[in-house]
Amino acid sequence: MRGNVSAELLVLRRRAATWILLGIWSFLGVFFAYVLPYALDPEDAPLGLAEFLPQSLPGTLISGFPFFGGVFALMLGVFALGSEYGWDTLKTLFVQGPGRTTVFASKLAALGIVLIAFVVTVFAAGAIASVVIATIEDAPIVWPSGWLALRAMAASWLILAAWAALGVMLGVLTRGTSLAIGLGILYALVVEGLLSAFAESISFLEPVTQVFLRANGYSIATALGAPAAGIESNGPGAFGGPFVDSVQALAVLVAFVLGFAALAAFALRRRDVT
């Protein structure tokens, strides 16, 4: 199993799409969390200037993961499995010895490891940006507690993992990348976006929206310090509720990861790869 995971990590490292997605996500994550709002007017931020200082790092950064980061994780998940169909490499993998379940589990493990880099890179870049702003403003550099930062990074990874698992499932079900990415973005923008927007006026939609990826992701983000006012004005990723209990949000996200992965594994084992 260790050798299979190492091989899958090598594939992900050598794939240009992995580095492109990591680079774009890292840039946009810091740009929309720090550069753009600070350049416009830091006092207009929900927490004022404090939102851009190191002390607010966990809450400021995690608010970008439930939607913007999730879309990048979804594409990464699609490429992890869907591209194998396009290159006809799954047949080669399956006839070389490891069973389908082993191959699939190795790909998921490698994907989970790569997602750690997607979290750490953004938090490292955000830390640098916050220090630069604190220096410009001549503000004291006070870091958040290590426990809070660790929880924020773990929650950020879980949010990305849920979106990546959705991408894996779509990649397996569609046996490709283009349609899977299109369906994933359509779900993120249209299904979750529109239904969440109508939840306040249509009462029976509210219980449905409470199990959405975005609702539970943002609920964990606010529990870890992300300002709800900022999330409500977060452009295409804006979310005004409903927010749920953090324990429920954690359970729902874990259930999504396991459910998407189980469905993808079932389809991979039962269906022909061509």
C-alpha atoms as a PDB file:
ATOM      1  CA  MET A   1       0.000   0.000   0.000  1.00  0.00           C
ATOM      2  CA  ARG A   2       2.821   2.406   0.838  1.00  0.00           C
ATOM      3  CA  GLY A   3       4.390   1.840  -2.569  1.00  0.00           C
ATOM      4  CA  ASN A   4       1.079   2.466  -4.297  1.00  0.00           C
ATOM      5  CA  VAL A   5       0.563   5.732  -2.410  1.00  0.00           C
ATOM      6  CA  SER A   6       4.106   6.838  -3.261  1.00  0.00           C
ATOM      7  CA  ALA A   7       3.435   6.099  -6.923  1.00  0.00           C
ATOM      8  CA  GLU A   8       0.208   8.090  -6.873  1.00  0.00           C
ATOM      9  CA  LEU A   9       1.971  10.999  -5.163  1.00  0.00           C
ATOM     10  CA  LEU A  10       4.551  10.936  -7.929  1.00  0.00           C
ATOM     11  CA  VAL A  11       1.772  11.077 -10.522  1.00  0.00           C
ATOM     12  CA  LEU A  12       0.169  14.069  -8.806  1.00  0.00           C
ATOM     13  CA  ARG A  13       3.524  15.841  -8.450  1.00  0.00           C
ATOM     14  CA  ARG A  14       4.345  15.337 -12.114  1.00  0.00           C
ATOM     15  CA  ARG A  15       0.910  16.467 -13.287  1.00  0.00           C
ATOM     16  CA  ALA A  16       1.029  20.109 -14.365  1.00  0.00           C
ATOM     17  CA  ALA A  17      -2.617  20.638 -13.367  1.00  0.00           C
ATOM     18  CA  THR A  18      -1.735  20.050  -9.699  1.00  0.00           C
ATOM     19  CA  TRP A  19       0.815  22.874  -9.647  1.00  0.00           C
ATOM     20  CA  ILE A  20      -1.376  25.190 -11.697  1.00  0.00           C
ATOM     21  CA  LEU A  21      -4.325  24.708  -9.343  1.00  0.00           C
ATOM     22  CA  LEU A  22      -2.084  25.132  -6.282  1.00  0.00           C
ATOM     23  CA  GLY A  23      -0.550  28.321  -7.654  1.00  0.00           C
ATOM     24  CA  ILE A  24      -3.822  29.933  -8.703  1.00  0.00           C
ATOM     25  CA  TRP A  25      -5.598  28.975  -5.478  1.00  0.00           C
ATOM     26  CA  SER A  26      -2.757  30.270  -3.294  1.00  0.00           C
ATOM     27  CA  PHE A  27      -2.693  33.576  -5.146  1.00  0.00           C
ATOM     28  CA  LEU A  28      -6.460  34.077  -5.151  1.00  0.00           C
ATOM     29  CA  GLY A  29      -6.837  32.931  -1.544  1.00  0.00           C
ATOM     30  CA  VAL A  30      -4.460  35.644  -0.332  1.00  0.00           C
ATOM     31  CA  PHE A  31      -5.564  38.236  -2.889  1.00  0.00           C
ATOM     32  CA  PHE A  32      -9.233  38.136  -1.897  1.00  0.00           C
ATOM     33  CA  ALA A  33      -8.541  37.718   1.832  1.00  0.00           C
ATOM     34  CA  TYR A  34      -5.890  40.425   2.207  1.00  0.00           C
ATOM     35  CA  VAL A  35      -4.717  42.354  -0.852  1.00  0.00           C
ATOM     36  CA  LEU A  36      -8.009  43.478  -2.401  1.00  0.00           C
ATOM     37  CA  PRO A  37     -10.015  44.368   0.749  1.00  0.00           C
ATOM     38  CA  TYR A  38      -6.999  46.088   2.315  1.00  0.00           C
ATOM     39  CA  ALA A  39      -6.325  48.085  -0.850  1.00  0.00           C
ATOM     40  CA  LEU A  40      -9.949  49.239  -1.030  1.00  0.00           C
ATOM     41  CA  ASP A  41     -10.401  50.283   2.605  1.00  0.00           C
ATOM     42  CA  PRO A  42      -9.385  48.174   5.601  1.00  0.00           C
ATOM     43  CA  GLU A  43     -11.864  49.988   7.843  1.00  0.00           C
ATOM     44  CA  ASP A  44     -14.746  48.671   5.721  1.00  0.00           C
ATOM     45  CA  ALA A  45     -13.886  45.098   6.667  1.00  0.00           C
ATOM     46  CA  PRO A  46     -16.212  43.472   9.233  1.00  0.00           C
ATOM     47  CA  LEU A  47     -13.445  43.474  11.863  1.00  0.00           C
ATOM     48  CA  GLY A  48     -11.736  46.618  10.643  1.00  0.00           C
ATOM     49  CA  LEU A  49      -7.945  46.662  10.406  1.00  0.00           C
ATOM     50  CA  ALA A  50      -7.730  43.792  12.907  1.00  0.00           C
ATOM     51  CA  GLU A  51      -9.033  41.424  10.227  1.00  0.00           C
ATOM     52  CA  PHE A  52      -5.775  41.796   8.284  1.00  0.00           C
ATOM     53  CA  LEU A  53      -3.385  41.388  11.210  1.00  0.00           C
ATOM     54  CA  PRO A  54      -1.719  38.091  12.222  1.00  0.00           C
ATOM     55  CA  GLN A  55      -3.990  37.680  15.253  1.00  0.00           C
ATOM     56  CA  SER A  56      -6.992  37.115  12.937  1.00  0.00           C
ATOM     57  CA  LEU A  57      -5.186  34.807  10.495  1.00  0.00           C
ATOM     58  CA  PRO A  58      -7.294  31.622  11.039  1.00  0.00           C
ATOM     59  CA  GLY A  59     -10.694  33.289  10.635  1.00  0.00           C
ATOM     60  CA  THR A  60      -9.617  35.516   7.758  1.00  0.00           C
ATOM     61  CA  LEU A  61      -8.227  32.666   5.658  1.00  0.00           C
ATOM     62  CA  ILE A  62     -10.689  29.870   6.389  1.00  0.00           C
ATOM     63  CA  SER A  63     -13.585  31.939   5.045  1.00  0.00           C
ATOM     64  CA  GLY A  64     -12.221  31.382   1.523  1.00  0.00           C
ATOM     65  CA  PHE A  65     -12.151  27.595   1.719  1.00  0.00           C
ATOM     66  CA  PRO A  66     -15.857  26.594   1.634  1.00  0.00           C
ATOM     67  CA  PHE A  67     -16.382  27.975  -1.874  1.00  0.00           C
ATOM     68  CA  PHE A  68     -13.305  29.301  -3.684  1.00  0.00           C
ATOM     69  CA  GLY A  69     -10.952  26.679  -2.299  1.00  0.00           C
ATOM     70  CA  GLY A  70     -13.617  24.025  -2.686  1.00  0.00           C
ATOM     71  CA  VAL A  71     -13.862  24.576  -6.434  1.00  0.00           C
ATOM     72  CA  PHE A  72     -10.101  24.081  -6.826  1.00  0.00           C
ATOM     73  CA  ALA A  73     -10.226  20.937  -4.682  1.00  0.00           C
ATOM     74  CA  LEU A  74     -13.118  19.651  -6.786  1.00  0.00           C
ATOM     75  CA  MET A  75     -11.055  20.069  -9.974  1.00  0.00           C
ATOM     76  CA  LEU A  76      -8.089  18.355  -8.351  1.00  0.00           C
ATOM     77  CA  GLY A  77     -10.314  15.430  -7.368  1.00  0.00           C
ATOM     78  CA  VAL A  78     -11.672  15.173 -10.899  1.00  0.00           C
ATOM     79  CA  PHE A  79      -8.178  15.086 -12.384  1.00  0.00           C
ATOM     80  CA  ALA A  80      -7.051  12.454  -9.860  1.00  0.00           C
ATOM     81  CA  LEU A  81      -9.503   9.889 -11.275  1.00  0.00           C
ATOM     82  CA  GLY A  82     -11.160  11.309 -14.356  1.00  0.00           C
ATOM     83  CA  SER A  83      -7.937  11.859 -16.287  1.00  0.00           C
ATOM     84  CA  GLU A  84      -7.081   8.167 -15.907  1.00  0.00           C
ATOM     85  CA  TYR A  85     -10.026   7.348 -18.142  1.00  0.00           C
ATOM     86  CA  GLY A  86      -8.882   9.791 -20.806  1.00  0.00           C
ATOM     87  CA  TRP A  87      -5.385   8.284 -20.915  1.00  0.00           C
ATOM     88  CA  ASP A  88      -6.636   4.673 -20.619  1.00  0.00           C
ATOM     89  CA  THR A  89      -4.244   4.118 -17.725  1.00  0.00           C
ATOM     90  CA  LEU A  90      -6.749   2.469 -15.401  1.00  0.00           C
ATOM     91  CA  LYS A  91      -6.689  -0.736 -17.434  1.00  0.00           C
ATOM     92  CA  THR A  92      -2.906  -0.833 -17.153  1.00  0.00           C
ATOM     93  CA  LEU A  93      -3.069  -0.280 -13.387  1.00  0.00           C
ATOM     94  CA  PHE A  94      -5.661  -2.991 -12.849  1.00  0.00           C
ATOM     95  CA  VAL A  95      -3.804  -5.690 -14.801  1.00  0.00           C
ATOM     96  CA  GLN A  96      -0.483  -5.050 -13.063  1.00  0.00           C
ATOM     97  CA  GLY A  97      -1.542  -6.620  -9.795  1.00  0.00           C
ATOM     98  CA  PRO A  98      -3.211  -4.275  -7.265  1.00  0.00           C
ATOM     99  CA  GLY A  99      -6.961  -4.674  -7.064  1.00  0.00           C
ATOM    100  CA  ARG A 100      -9.339  -1.895  -7.880  1.00  0.00           C
ATOM    101  CA  THR A 101      -9.977  -1.124  -4.223  1.00  0.00           C
ATOM    102  CA  THR A 102      -6.251  -0.838  -3.516  1.00  0.00           C
ATOM    103  CA  VAL A 103      -5.703   1.452  -6.482  1.00  0.00           C
ATOM    104  CA  PHE A 104      -8.646   3.625  -5.481  1.00  0.00           C
ATOM    105  CA  ALA A 105      -7.593   3.819  -1.817  1.00  0.00           C
ATOM    106  CA  SER A 106      -4.050   4.756  -2.869  1.00  0.00           C
ATOM    107  CA  LYS A 107      -5.333   7.561  -5.051  1.00  0.00           C
ATOM    108  CA  LEU A 108      -7.513   8.890  -2.235  1.00  0.00           C
ATOM    109  CA  ALA A 109      -4.622   8.771   0.238  1.00  0.00           C
ATOM    110  CA  ALA A 110      -2.327  10.612  -2.181  1.00  0.00           C
ATOM    111  CA  LEU A 111      -5.037  13.172  -2.863  1.00  0.00           C
ATOM    112  CA  GLY A 112      -5.504  13.764   0.863  1.00  0.00           C
ATOM    113  CA  ILE A 113      -1.763  14.348   1.291  1.00  0.00           C
ATOM    114  CA  VAL A 114      -1.671  16.825  -1.586  1.00  0.00           C
ATOM    115  CA  LEU A 115      -4.585  18.725  -0.052  1.00  0.00           C
ATOM    116  CA  ILE A 116      -2.394  19.345   2.996  1.00  0.00           C
ATOM    117  CA  ALA A 117      -0.113  21.362   0.713  1.00  0.00           C
ATOM    118  CA  PHE A 118      -3.132  23.332  -0.530  1.00  0.00           C
ATOM    119  CA  VAL A 119      -3.900  24.303   3.076  1.00  0.00           C
ATOM    120  CA  VAL A 120      -0.377  24.940   4.340  1.00  0.00           C
ATOM    121  CA  THR A 121       0.628  27.027   1.318  1.00  0.00           C
ATOM    122  CA  VAL A 122      -2.325  29.383   1.677  1.00  0.00           C
ATOM    123  CA  PHE A 123      -1.836  29.765   5.419  1.00  0.00           C
ATOM    124  CA  ALA A 124       1.880  30.436   4.941  1.00  0.00           C
ATOM    125  CA  ALA A 125       1.185  33.040   2.249  1.00  0.00           C
ATOM    126  CA  GLY A 126      -1.530  34.592   4.424  1.00  0.00           C
ATOM    127  CA  ALA A 127       0.851  34.796   7.371  1.00  0.00           C
ATOM    128  CA  ILE A 128       3.367  36.689   5.224  1.00  0.00           C
ATOM    129  CA  ALA A 129       0.662  39.046   3.945  1.00  0.00           C
ATOM    130  CA  SER A 130      -0.595  39.753   7.465  1.00  0.00           C
ATOM    131  CA  VAL A 131       2.920  40.540   8.699  1.00  0.00           C
ATOM    132  CA  VAL A 132       3.467  42.910   5.773  1.00  0.00           C
ATOM    133  CA  ILE A 133       0.220  44.736   6.544  1.00  0.00           C
ATOM    134  CA  ALA A 134       1.040  44.901  10.254  1.00  0.00           C
ATOM    135  CA  THR A 135       4.434  46.396   9.382  1.00  0.00           C
ATOM    136  CA  ILE A 136       2.872  48.975   7.064  1.00  0.00           C
ATOM    137  CA  GLU A 137       0.331  49.947   9.721  1.00  0.00           C
ATOM    138  CA  ASP A 138       2.942  49.875  12.485  1.00  0.00           C
ATOM    139  CA  ALA A 139       0.656  47.480  14.376  1.00  0.00           C
ATOM    140  CA  PRO A 140       1.874  44.887  16.893  1.00  0.00           C
ATOM    141  CA  ILE A 141       2.422  41.401  15.490  1.00  0.00           C
ATOM    142  CA  VAL A 142       0.448  39.071  17.732  1.00  0.00           C
ATOM    143  CA  TRP A 143      -0.063  35.529  16.495  1.00  0.00           C
ATOM    144  CA  PRO A 144      -3.177  33.473  17.271  1.00  0.00           C
ATOM    145  CA  SER A 145      -2.867  30.485  19.558  1.00  0.00           C
ATOM    146  CA  GLY A 146      -1.276  27.425  18.009  1.00  0.00           C
ATOM    147  CA  TRP A 147      -4.328  25.322  18.910  1.00  0.00           C
ATOM    148  CA  LEU A 148      -6.672  27.696  17.060  1.00  0.00           C
ATOM    149  CA  ALA A 149      -4.406  27.773  14.006  1.00  0.00           C
ATOM    150  CA  LEU A 150      -4.152  23.967  13.998  1.00  0.00           C
ATOM    151  CA  ARG A 151      -7.930  23.563  14.242  1.00  0.00           C
ATOM    152  CA  ALA A 152      -8.456  26.077  11.433  1.00  0.00           C
ATOM    153  CA  MET A 153      -6.008  24.245   9.186  1.00  0.00           C
ATOM    154  CA  ALA A 154      -7.587  20.873   9.989  1.00  0.00           C
ATOM    155  CA  ALA A 155     -11.074  22.242   9.287  1.00  0.00           C
ATOM    156  CA  SER A 156      -9.826  23.799   6.052  1.00  0.00           C
ATOM    157  CA  TRP A 157      -8.427  20.427   4.985  1.00  0.00           C
ATOM    158  CA  LEU A 158     -11.731  18.710   5.767  1.00  0.00           C
ATOM    159  CA  ILE A 159     -13.648  21.268   3.699  1.00  0.00           C
ATOM    160  CA  LEU A 160     -11.318  20.732   0.742  1.00  0.00           C
ATOM    161  CA  ALA A 161     -11.511  16.951   1.224  1.00  0.00           C
ATOM    162  CA  ALA A 162     -15.307  17.020   0.925  1.00  0.00           C
ATOM    163  CA  TRP A 163     -15.137  18.964  -2.332  1.00  0.00           C
ATOM    164  CA  ALA A 164     -12.316  16.776  -3.651  1.00  0.00           C
ATOM    165  CA  ALA A 165     -14.338  13.641  -2.855  1.00  0.00           C
ATOM    166  CA  LEU A 166     -17.197  15.106  -4.885  1.00  0.00           C
ATOM    167  CA  GLY A 167     -14.770  15.645  -7.748  1.00  0.00           C
ATOM    168  CA  VAL A 168     -13.522  12.060  -7.492  1.00  0.00           C
ATOM    169  CA  MET A 169     -17.067  10.745  -7.602  1.00  0.00           C
ATOM    170  CA  LEU A 170     -17.980  12.867 -10.624  1.00  0.00           C
ATOM    171  CA  GLY A 171     -14.771  11.857 -12.395  1.00  0.00           C
ATOM    172  CA  VAL A 172     -15.576   8.173 -11.920  1.00  0.00           C
ATOM    173  CA  LEU A 173     -19.259   8.460 -12.828  1.00  0.00           C
ATOM    174  CA  THR A 174     -18.616  10.489 -16.003  1.00  0.00           C
ATOM    175  CA  ARG A 175     -15.383   8.651 -16.878  1.00  0.00           C
ATOM    176  CA  GLY A 176     -13.660  11.875 -17.778  1.00  0.00           C
ATOM    177  CA  THR A 177     -12.759  15.394 -16.722  1.00  0.00           C
ATOM    178  CA  SER A 178     -14.607  18.014 -18.769  1.00  0.00           C
ATOM    179  CA  LEU A 179     -18.166  16.966 -17.962  1.00  0.00           C
ATOM    180  CA  ALA A 180     -17.253  16.216 -14.341  1.00  0.00           C
ATOM    181  CA  ILE A 181     -15.774  19.687 -13.787  1.00  0.00           C
ATOM    182  CA  GLY A 182     -18.752  21.296 -15.513  1.00  0.00           C
ATOM    183  CA  LEU A 183     -21.223  19.411 -13.339  1.00  0.00           C
ATOM    184  CA  GLY A 184     -19.263  20.225 -10.187  1.00  0.00           C
ATOM    185  CA  ILE A 185     -19.122  23.953 -10.887  1.00  0.00           C
ATOM    186  CA  LEU A 186     -22.792  23.895 -11.911  1.00  0.00           C
ATOM    187  CA  TYR A 187     -23.635  22.313  -8.577  1.00  0.00           C
ATOM    188  CA  ALA A 188     -21.537  24.814  -6.628  1.00  0.00           C
ATOM    189  CA  LEU A 189     -22.887  27.908  -8.373  1.00  0.00           C
ATOM    190  CA  VAL A 190     -26.435  26.994  -9.330  1.00  0.00           C
ATOM    191  CA  VAL A 191     -27.727  24.280  -7.022  1.00  0.00           C
ATOM    192  CA  GLU A 192     -26.153  25.391  -3.761  1.00  0.00           C
ATOM    193  CA  GLY A 193     -26.042  29.078  -4.680  1.00  0.00           C
ATOM    194  CA  LEU A 194     -29.627  29.504  -5.847  1.00  0.00           C
ATOM    195  CA  LEU A 195     -31.266  27.245  -3.284  1.00  0.00           C
ATOM    196  CA  SER A 196     -29.370  28.956  -0.473  1.00  0.00           C
ATOM    197  CA  ALA A 197     -30.478  32.349  -1.782  1.00  0.00           C
ATOM    198  CA  PHE A 198     -34.136  31.273  -1.806  1.00  0.00           C
ATOM    199  CA  ALA A 199     -34.010  29.509   1.568  1.00  0.00           C
ATOM    200  CA  GLU A 200     -35.074  32.632   3.464  1.00  0.00           C
ATOM    201  CA  SER A 201     -38.230  33.109   1.378  1.00  0.00           C
ATOM    202  CA  ILE A 202     -39.138  29.440   0.832  1.00  0.00           C
ATOM    203  CA  SER A 203     -39.313  27.760   4.220  1.00  0.00           C
ATOM    204  CA  PHE A 204     -39.122  24.124   3.117  1.00  0.00           C
ATOM    205  CA  LEU A 205     -35.759  24.774   1.423  1.00  0.00           C
ATOM    206  CA  GLU A 206     -34.008  25.694   4.662  1.00  0.00           C
ATOM    207  CA  PRO A 207     -33.618  22.106   5.958  1.00  0.00           C
ATOM    208  CA  VAL A 208     -32.224  21.139   2.542  1.00  0.00           C
ATOM    209  CA  THR A 209     -29.643  23.903   2.503  1.00  0.00           C
ATOM    210  CA  GLN A 210     -28.460  22.912   5.985  1.00  0.00           C
ATOM    211  CA  VAL A 211     -26.817  19.791   4.529  1.00  0.00           C
ATOM    212  CA  PHE A 212     -25.058  21.592   1.670  1.00  0.00           C
ATOM    213  CA  LEU A 213     -21.288  21.617   1.487  1.00  0.00           C
ATOM    214  CA  ARG A 214     -21.140  25.386   1.564  1.00  0.00           C
ATOM    215  CA  ALA A 215     -23.495  25.778   4.538  1.00  0.00           C
ATOM    216  CA  ASN A 216     -21.547  23.344   6.687  1.00  0.00           C
ATOM    217  CA  GLY A 217     -18.186  24.658   5.527  1.00  0.00           C
ATOM    218  CA  TYR A 218     -19.079  28.240   6.373  1.00  0.00           C
ATOM    219  CA  SER A 219     -20.559  27.138   9.700  1.00  0.00           C
ATOM    220  CA  ILE A 220     -17.204  25.659  10.722  1.00  0.00           C
ATOM    221  CA  ALA A 221     -15.449  28.785   9.431  1.00  0.00           C
ATOM    222  CA  THR A 222     -17.559  31.118  11.579  1.00  0.00           C
ATOM    223  CA  ALA A 223     -17.000  28.880  14.608  1.00  0.00           C
ATOM    224  CA  LEU A 224     -13.266  29.394  14.118  1.00  0.00           C
ATOM    225  CA  GLY A 225     -13.404  33.165  13.838  1.00  0.00           C
ATOM    226  CA  ALA A 226     -14.494  33.988  10.279  1.00  0.00           C
ATOM    227  CA  PRO A 227     -16.802  37.041  10.405  1.00  0.00           C
ATOM    228  CA  ALA A 228     -20.316  36.195   9.208  1.00  0.00           C
ATOM    229  CA  ALA A 229     -20.691  39.710   7.783  1.00  0.00           C
ATOM    230  CA  GLY A 230     -17.713  39.120   5.514  1.00  0.00           C
ATOM    231  CA  ILE A 231     -19.086  35.784   4.317  1.00  0.00           C
ATOM    232  CA  GLU A 232     -22.397  37.412   3.414  1.00  0.00           C
ATOM    233  CA  SER A 233     -20.589  39.795   1.025  1.00  0.00           C
ATOM    234  CA  ASN A 234     -18.081  37.313  -0.370  1.00  0.00           C
ATOM    235  CA  GLY A 235     -18.902  37.794  -4.073  1.00  0.00           C
ATOM    236  CA  PRO A 236     -19.941  34.587  -5.912  1.00  0.00           C
ATOM    237  CA  GLY A 237     -19.272  32.671  -2.717  1.00  0.00           C
ATOM    238  CA  ALA A 238     -21.518  34.876  -0.606  1.00  0.00           C
ATOM    239  CA  PHE A 239     -23.540  32.984   1.958  1.00  0.00           C
ATOM    240  CA  GLY A 240     -26.114  34.448   4.287  1.00  0.00           C
ATOM    241  CA  GLY A 241     -27.182  31.283   6.060  1.00  0.00           C
ATOM    242  CA  PRO A 242     -28.563  29.180   7.455  1.00  0.00           C
ATOM    243  CA  PHE A 243     -25.600  28.409   9.691  1.00  0.00           C
ATOM    244  CA  VAL A 244     -25.598  25.171  11.677  1.00  0.00           C
ATOM    245  CA  ASP A 245     -23.939  23.930  14.834  1.00  0.00           C
ATOM    246  CA  SER A 246     -20.226  23.247  14.381  1.00  0.00           C
ATOM    247  CA  VAL A 247     -20.603  19.636  15.581  1.00  0.00           C
ATOM    248  CA  GLN A 248     -23.304  19.022  12.985  1.00  0.00           C
ATOM    249  CA  ALA A 249     -21.195  20.712  10.330  1.00  0.00           C
ATOM    250  CA  LEU A 250     -18.220  18.505  11.160  1.00  0.00           C
ATOM    251  CA  ALA A 251     -20.363  15.362  11.028  1.00  0.00           C
ATOM    252  CA  VAL A 252     -21.954  16.337   7.712  1.00  0.00           C
ATOM    253  CA  LEU A 253     -18.616  17.076   6.050  1.00  0.00           C
ATOM    254  CA  VAL A 254     -17.162  13.758   7.225  1.00  0.00           C
ATOM    255  CA  ALA A 255     -20.289  11.998   5.952  1.00  0.00           C
ATOM    256  CA  PHE A 256     -19.875  13.691   2.569  1.00  0.00           C
ATOM    257  CA  VAL A 257     -16.260  12.551   2.301  1.00  0.00           C
ATOM    258  CA  LEU A 258     -17.157   8.973   3.166  1.00  0.00           C
ATOM    259  CA  GLY A 259     -20.329   8.935   1.057  1.00  0.00           C
ATOM    260  CA  PHE A 260     -18.759  10.373  -2.098  1.00  0.00           C
ATOM    261  CA  ALA A 261     -15.758   8.062  -1.762  1.00  0.00           C
ATOM    262  CA  ALA A 262     -17.962   4.998  -1.185  1.00  0.00           C
ATOM    263  CA  LEU A 263     -20.120   5.750  -4.219  1.00  0.00           C
ATOM    264  CA  ALA A 264     -17.054   6.304  -6.394  1.00  0.00           C
ATOM    265  CA  ALA A 265     -15.471   3.059  -5.145  1.00  0.00           C
ATOM    266  CA  PHE A 266     -18.668   1.124  -5.837  1.00  0.00           C
ATOM    267  CA  ALA A 267     -18.905   2.501  -9.388  1.00  0.00           C
ATOM    268  CA  LEU A 268     -15.221   1.819 -10.032  1.00  0.00           C
ATOM    269  CA  ARG A 269     -15.542  -1.798  -8.911  1.00  0.00           C
ATOM    270  CA  ARG A 270     -18.811  -2.578 -10.693  1.00  0.00           C
ATOM    271  CA  ARG A 271     -18.459  -0.740 -14.000  1.00  0.00           C
ATOM    272  CA  ASP A 272     -16.204  -1.372 -16.947  1.00  0.00           C
ATOM    273  CA  VAL A 273     -13.379   1.151 -17.196  1.00  0.00           C
ATOM    274  CA  THR A 274     -13.959   1.793 -20.911  1.00  0.00           C
END
